[in-house]
Structure formats: structure tokens, C-alpha cells
Amino acid sequence: MLRSNGFFLAELLLSLTAFFLAVSFLLPLVLHVKTQSLTVRQEAAAVHLLYEQLQAARLDNSLEGRWETTREGIQYTVLVSSIDGGIAQEVCVQFDGFNNKQIQKCRKVE
């Protein structure tokens, strides 16, 4: 019969401590990467919408206003306005990102 003399409990506690220590470092990193991934995906959809609206504004110079659209479950606000005394137009796309951080992407119509 094997005699462990109490080493099993000590080894178990040491192993659990090492495991929880590793998890305490890795879990926040995984959550941060996931948050960044969601933000990048939302921003990519916003830029795609922005360039669609830039093309529409380039074809129709009288296009102005503000409207909302929903893509992939995110509500985007599109704003087309005149700048530089009505000579040029600017298109902006706004949305609430992760943690309700408001993000805005704008470009001038060329």
C-alpha cells in the first residue's frame, strides 16, 4: 500500500493555485481580445456603410439629411451635410460601439 504522508493534499493545492493563477492572467486577455474583435467588426461595417453613402452622395449632389439604418444588429446614423459654404459635402456614420462608446466615421465627398 502506498503511503503519501500528506503530500497529495499539498500537491493538489499547489496545482490548483497554479491553475487559478494562469486563469487569472489569461481570462482578462481573452475578454479584451473579444471586445476588440467586436469593435473592429462594427467599425468595418460602419466604414462599408460610409463608402456606400459616399458613392450615393457623389451621384446625387443634392443628397442631404439624416437617417438611421440597422446592420448586423447595430443601429447606424448616417448624416450627409454641406460644408465649405455648400461647395462640398461630408458624409458621417455614427454608432454606439461596445460599452456605449460613441464612434463616428466621416469623409468628404470628392
Protein backbone atom coordinates (compact mmCIF):
# COMPACT_ATOMS: atom_id res chain seq x y z
CA MET A 1 0.00 0.00 0.00
CA LEU A 2 1.29 3.45 -0.91
CA ARG A 3 1.98 5.93 1.83
CA SER A 4 1.72 9.58 0.77
CA ASN A 5 2.25 11.15 4.19
CA GLY A 6 0.02 14.13 3.29
CA PHE A 7 1.81 15.08 0.09
CA PHE A 8 -1.32 14.51 -2.01
CA LEU A 9 -3.12 17.46 -0.41
CA ALA A 10 -0.08 19.73 -0.78
CA GLU A 11 0.36 18.76 -4.45
CA LEU A 12 -3.33 19.29 -5.09
CA LEU A 13 -3.28 22.77 -3.53
CA LEU A 14 -0.14 23.69 -5.47
CA SER A 15 -1.68 22.51 -8.74
CA LEU A 16 -4.95 24.38 -8.11
CA THR A 17 -3.05 27.53 -7.20
CA ALA A 18 -1.04 27.36 -10.43
CA PHE A 19 -4.20 26.73 -12.45
CA PHE A 20 -6.13 29.66 -10.93
CA LEU A 21 -3.11 31.92 -11.28
CA ALA A 22 -2.89 31.10 -15.01
CA VAL A 23 -6.63 31.61 -15.46
CA SER A 24 -6.50 34.96 -13.64
CA PHE A 25 -3.94 36.19 -16.19
CA LEU A 26 -5.45 34.67 -19.32
CA LEU A 27 -9.15 35.39 -18.80
CA PRO A 28 -8.82 39.21 -18.92
CA LEU A 29 -6.68 38.90 -22.06
CA VAL A 30 -9.27 36.73 -23.79
CA LEU A 31 -12.06 39.15 -22.85
CA HIS A 32 -10.04 42.11 -24.15
CA VAL A 33 -9.34 40.37 -27.47
CA LYS A 34 -13.03 39.50 -27.85
CA THR A 35 -14.03 43.12 -27.16
CA GLN A 36 -11.50 44.39 -29.71
CA SER A 37 -12.78 41.89 -32.27
CA LEU A 38 -16.37 43.10 -31.84
CA THR A 39 -15.27 46.73 -32.11
CA VAL A 40 -13.29 46.08 -35.30
CA ARG A 41 -16.26 44.24 -36.84
CA GLN A 42 -18.60 47.15 -36.00
CA GLU A 43 -16.17 49.71 -37.37
CA ALA A 44 -15.71 47.71 -40.59
CA ALA A 45 -19.49 47.67 -41.11
CA ALA A 46 -19.59 51.43 -40.44
CA VAL A 47 -16.83 52.12 -42.98
CA HIS A 48 -18.62 49.93 -45.54
CA LEU A 49 -21.83 51.91 -44.98
CA LEU A 50 -19.87 55.16 -45.14
CA TYR A 51 -18.42 54.36 -48.57
CA GLU A 52 -21.82 53.25 -49.87
CA GLN A 53 -23.24 56.62 -48.82
CA LEU A 54 -20.25 58.46 -50.29
CA GLN A 55 -20.96 56.85 -53.66
CA ALA A 56 -24.64 57.78 -53.39
CA ALA A 57 -23.77 61.38 -52.47
CA ARG A 58 -21.32 61.61 -55.34
CA LEU A 59 -24.03 60.57 -57.80
CA ASP A 60 -26.66 62.86 -56.28
CA ASN A 61 -25.15 66.20 -55.21
CA SER A 62 -28.42 67.35 -53.66
CA LEU A 63 -28.47 64.44 -51.21
CA GLU A 64 -28.58 65.80 -47.66
CA GLY A 65 -30.16 64.76 -44.42
CA ARG A 66 -30.00 62.37 -41.55
CA TRP A 67 -31.34 58.84 -41.36
CA GLU A 68 -30.83 55.65 -39.45
CA THR A 69 -30.22 52.11 -40.62
CA THR A 70 -29.58 48.82 -38.86
CA ARG A 71 -26.94 46.32 -39.91
CA GLU A 72 -25.88 43.19 -38.05
CA GLY A 73 -27.97 44.30 -35.06
CA ILE A 74 -26.25 47.69 -34.72
CA GLN A 75 -28.09 50.94 -35.39
CA TYR A 76 -26.09 53.39 -37.51
CA THR A 77 -26.94 57.06 -38.01
CA VAL A 78 -25.96 58.49 -41.40
CA LEU A 79 -25.57 62.26 -41.74
CA VAL A 80 -24.95 63.93 -45.10
CA SER A 81 -24.27 67.66 -44.84
CA SER A 82 -22.84 70.55 -46.86
CA ILE A 83 -19.54 72.03 -45.78
CA ASP A 84 -17.31 74.86 -47.00
CA GLY A 85 -20.25 77.11 -47.82
CA GLY A 86 -22.14 74.46 -49.78
CA ILE A 87 -19.23 73.71 -52.13
CA ALA A 88 -18.53 70.23 -50.76
CA GLN A 89 -20.42 67.53 -48.92
CA GLU A 90 -19.45 65.40 -45.97
CA VAL A 91 -20.86 62.01 -45.02
CA CYS A 92 -20.71 60.83 -41.41
CA VAL A 93 -21.71 57.50 -39.90
CA GLN A 94 -22.24 57.33 -36.14
CA PHE A 95 -22.96 54.38 -33.91
CA ASP A 96 -22.70 53.29 -30.30
CA GLY A 97 -19.91 50.78 -30.02
CA PHE A 98 -19.07 48.37 -27.26
CA ASN A 99 -19.66 49.79 -23.74
CA ASN A 100 -21.85 52.56 -25.32
CA LYS A 101 -18.80 54.35 -26.66
CA GLN A 102 -19.97 56.61 -29.49
CA ILE A 103 -17.90 56.20 -32.65
CA GLN A 104 -18.07 58.49 -35.69
CA LYS A 105 -16.52 58.00 -39.12
CA CYS A 106 -16.57 60.95 -41.57
CA ARG A 107 -15.30 61.58 -45.09
CA LYS A 108 -15.68 64.36 -47.65
CA VAL A 109 -17.31 63.63 -50.97
CA GLU A 110 -14.67 64.05 -53.68
